Amino acid sequence: MPVVSETIREQLQAPASRTAMLPHLVPCLLPGHKIGTPSPLFKKIEPEYAAYLKSRFAGKQTVKVGVSVASAEEVTKLEAQVEAQGMRVRQLKAEKAETSVIDGAVRELLSLKQRLAKAKGETTQAKGKMKGKGKKKGK
């Protein structure tokens, strides 16, 4: 942006010695100073050029979000399975079941959530905690 800074200095008709950045604000122009002719500092981006930039830098999306790939009946069935498996995981945790049993139930729940997301056409990852993840050492 040195070009923009130089343009601003020229429009203000400020001396070149007034371009240094100081740690505190210092009035550089005296009262009554006449500024030059203002002009645009940045080039206007026309809609055609904006569209070009969007197409150039948009990246590639391979997965369409929000497009359902399963019937409503299948989605409802998967939602019920996710709900039932979630209840099973909660029950196992409340009963203080073995960790391996809980982990297996959680893996099944995450698998069902991923299948449900695919059926709905979503690209979200299933959330859940597994043993050892996110724990800090010494705690």
Protein backbone atom coordinates (compact mmCIF):
# COMPACT_ATOMS: atom_id res chain seq x y z
CA MET A 1 0.00 0.00 0.00
CA PRO A 2 2.91 2.44 -0.35
CA VAL A 3 1.26 3.82 -3.49
CA VAL A 4 -1.93 4.62 -1.57
CA SER A 5 0.05 6.29 1.21
CA GLU A 6 1.92 8.41 -1.32
CA THR A 7 -1.38 9.36 -3.04
CA ILE A 8 -2.86 10.48 0.28
CA ARG A 9 0.26 12.53 1.06
CA GLU A 10 0.06 14.20 -2.37
CA GLN A 11 -3.67 14.95 -1.96
CA LEU A 12 -2.94 16.55 1.40
CA GLN A 13 -0.02 18.44 -0.12
CA ALA A 14 1.98 17.38 2.90
CA PRO A 15 5.76 17.51 2.80
CA ALA A 16 7.58 14.21 2.22
CA SER A 17 9.20 14.55 5.63
CA ARG A 18 5.77 13.95 7.24
CA THR A 19 5.46 10.29 6.18
CA ALA A 20 7.07 8.66 9.23
CA MET A 21 4.92 6.69 11.66
CA LEU A 22 5.31 8.06 15.17
CA PRO A 23 4.29 6.26 18.38
CA HIS A 24 1.82 9.05 19.20
CA LEU A 25 -0.36 11.37 17.15
CA VAL A 26 1.35 14.59 16.12
CA PRO A 27 -0.49 17.25 14.09
CA CYS A 28 1.46 17.44 10.84
CA LEU A 29 -0.56 20.10 9.05
CA LEU A 30 -0.92 23.62 10.33
CA PRO A 31 -4.33 25.28 10.70
CA GLY A 32 -5.49 26.78 7.41
CA HIS A 33 -3.47 24.30 5.31
CA LYS A 34 -4.92 23.89 1.80
CA ILE A 35 -5.33 20.34 0.60
CA GLY A 36 -5.05 19.29 -3.04
CA THR A 37 -7.68 17.78 -5.30
CA PRO A 38 -9.20 14.62 -3.85
CA SER A 39 -9.33 11.53 -6.05
CA PRO A 40 -10.30 7.88 -5.51
CA LEU A 41 -7.64 5.90 -3.69
CA PHE A 42 -8.82 2.48 -4.82
CA LYS A 43 -9.99 1.19 -8.19
CA LYS A 44 -13.71 0.41 -8.42
CA ILE A 45 -14.41 -3.29 -8.92
CA GLU A 46 -17.04 -3.71 -11.62
CA PRO A 47 -19.55 -6.60 -11.31
CA GLU A 48 -18.01 -8.44 -14.28
CA TYR A 49 -14.55 -8.30 -12.71
CA ALA A 50 -15.98 -9.36 -9.34
CA ALA A 51 -17.57 -12.39 -11.00
CA TYR A 52 -14.23 -13.21 -12.63
CA LEU A 53 -12.44 -12.99 -9.28
CA LYS A 54 -15.08 -15.18 -7.60
CA SER A 55 -14.75 -17.85 -10.28
CA ARG A 56 -10.95 -17.70 -10.13
CA PHE A 57 -10.57 -17.88 -6.35
CA ALA A 58 -13.72 -19.78 -5.29
CA GLY A 59 -12.04 -23.18 -5.12
CA LYS A 60 -13.66 -26.45 -6.04
CA GLN A 61 -16.66 -27.81 -4.21
CA THR A 62 -17.26 -31.47 -4.89
CA VAL A 63 -20.06 -32.14 -2.40
CA LYS A 64 -23.45 -30.50 -2.75
CA VAL A 65 -24.82 -29.47 0.62
CA GLY A 66 -28.52 -29.66 1.38
CA VAL A 67 -29.46 -32.12 -1.36
CA SER A 68 -31.23 -35.11 0.14
CA VAL A 69 -30.06 -38.42 -1.25
CA ALA A 70 -32.47 -40.64 0.71
CA SER A 71 -36.23 -40.77 0.98
CA ALA A 72 -38.01 -39.05 3.85
CA GLU A 73 -38.94 -42.48 5.21
CA GLU A 74 -35.27 -43.58 5.34
CA VAL A 75 -34.27 -40.30 7.02
CA THR A 76 -37.01 -40.74 9.64
CA LYS A 77 -35.89 -44.32 10.27
CA LEU A 78 -32.24 -43.22 10.71
CA GLU A 79 -33.28 -40.38 13.04
CA ALA A 80 -35.14 -42.91 15.22
CA GLN A 81 -32.08 -45.19 15.25
CA VAL A 82 -29.83 -42.28 16.26
CA GLU A 83 -32.23 -41.34 19.05
CA ALA A 84 -32.43 -44.94 20.32
CA GLN A 85 -28.66 -45.41 20.21
CA GLY A 86 -28.17 -42.09 22.00
CA MET A 87 -30.49 -43.26 24.77
CA ARG A 88 -28.56 -46.56 24.96
CA VAL A 89 -25.24 -44.68 25.34
CA ARG A 90 -26.73 -42.49 28.08
CA GLN A 91 -28.09 -45.56 29.87
CA LEU A 92 -24.73 -47.36 29.69
CA LYS A 93 -22.96 -44.31 31.10
CA ALA A 94 -25.53 -43.96 33.90
CA GLU A 95 -25.08 -47.65 34.79
CA LYS A 96 -21.28 -47.17 34.80
CA ALA A 97 -20.82 -49.96 32.27
CA GLU A 98 -17.37 -51.09 31.13
CA THR A 99 -15.49 -48.55 29.07
CA SER A 100 -15.13 -50.94 26.13
CA VAL A 101 -18.91 -51.44 26.00
CA ILE A 102 -19.55 -47.68 26.15
CA ASP A 103 -16.92 -47.04 23.46
CA GLY A 104 -18.54 -49.59 21.15
CA ALA A 105 -21.96 -48.00 21.66
CA VAL A 106 -20.53 -44.52 21.01
CA ARG A 107 -18.83 -45.75 17.80
CA GLU A 108 -22.16 -47.16 16.64
CA LEU A 109 -23.87 -43.84 17.46
CA LEU A 110 -21.27 -41.87 15.49
CA SER A 111 -21.66 -44.24 12.55
CA LEU A 112 -25.43 -43.78 12.59
CA LYS A 113 -25.00 -39.98 12.75
CA GLN A 114 -22.71 -40.08 9.72
CA ARG A 115 -25.20 -42.22 7.79
CA LEU A 116 -27.98 -39.79 8.75
CA ALA A 117 -25.92 -36.80 7.58
CA LYS A 118 -25.25 -38.50 4.24
CA ALA A 119 -28.93 -39.36 3.87
CA LYS A 120 -29.85 -35.72 4.46
CA GLY A 121 -27.15 -34.53 2.06
CA GLU A 122 -25.18 -32.78 4.80
CA THR A 123 -21.41 -32.75 5.05
CA THR A 124 -21.06 -32.37 8.81
CA GLN A 125 -18.92 -34.68 10.89
CA ALA A 126 -20.50 -36.55 13.74
CA LYS A 127 -19.54 -35.10 17.09
CA GLY A 128 -18.62 -37.14 20.10
CA LYS A 129 -15.89 -37.83 22.59
CA MET A 130 -13.87 -40.99 22.57
CA LYS A 131 -11.61 -42.19 25.36
CA GLY A 132 -8.30 -40.35 25.43
CA LYS A 133 -9.24 -37.52 23.10
CA GLY A 134 -9.04 -34.00 24.44
CA LYS A 135 -7.61 -34.99 27.79
CA LYS A 136 -4.63 -33.12 29.16
CA LYS A 137 -1.74 -35.00 30.66
CA GLY A 138 -1.46 -34.86 34.40
CA LYS A 139 -5.16 -34.27 35.04
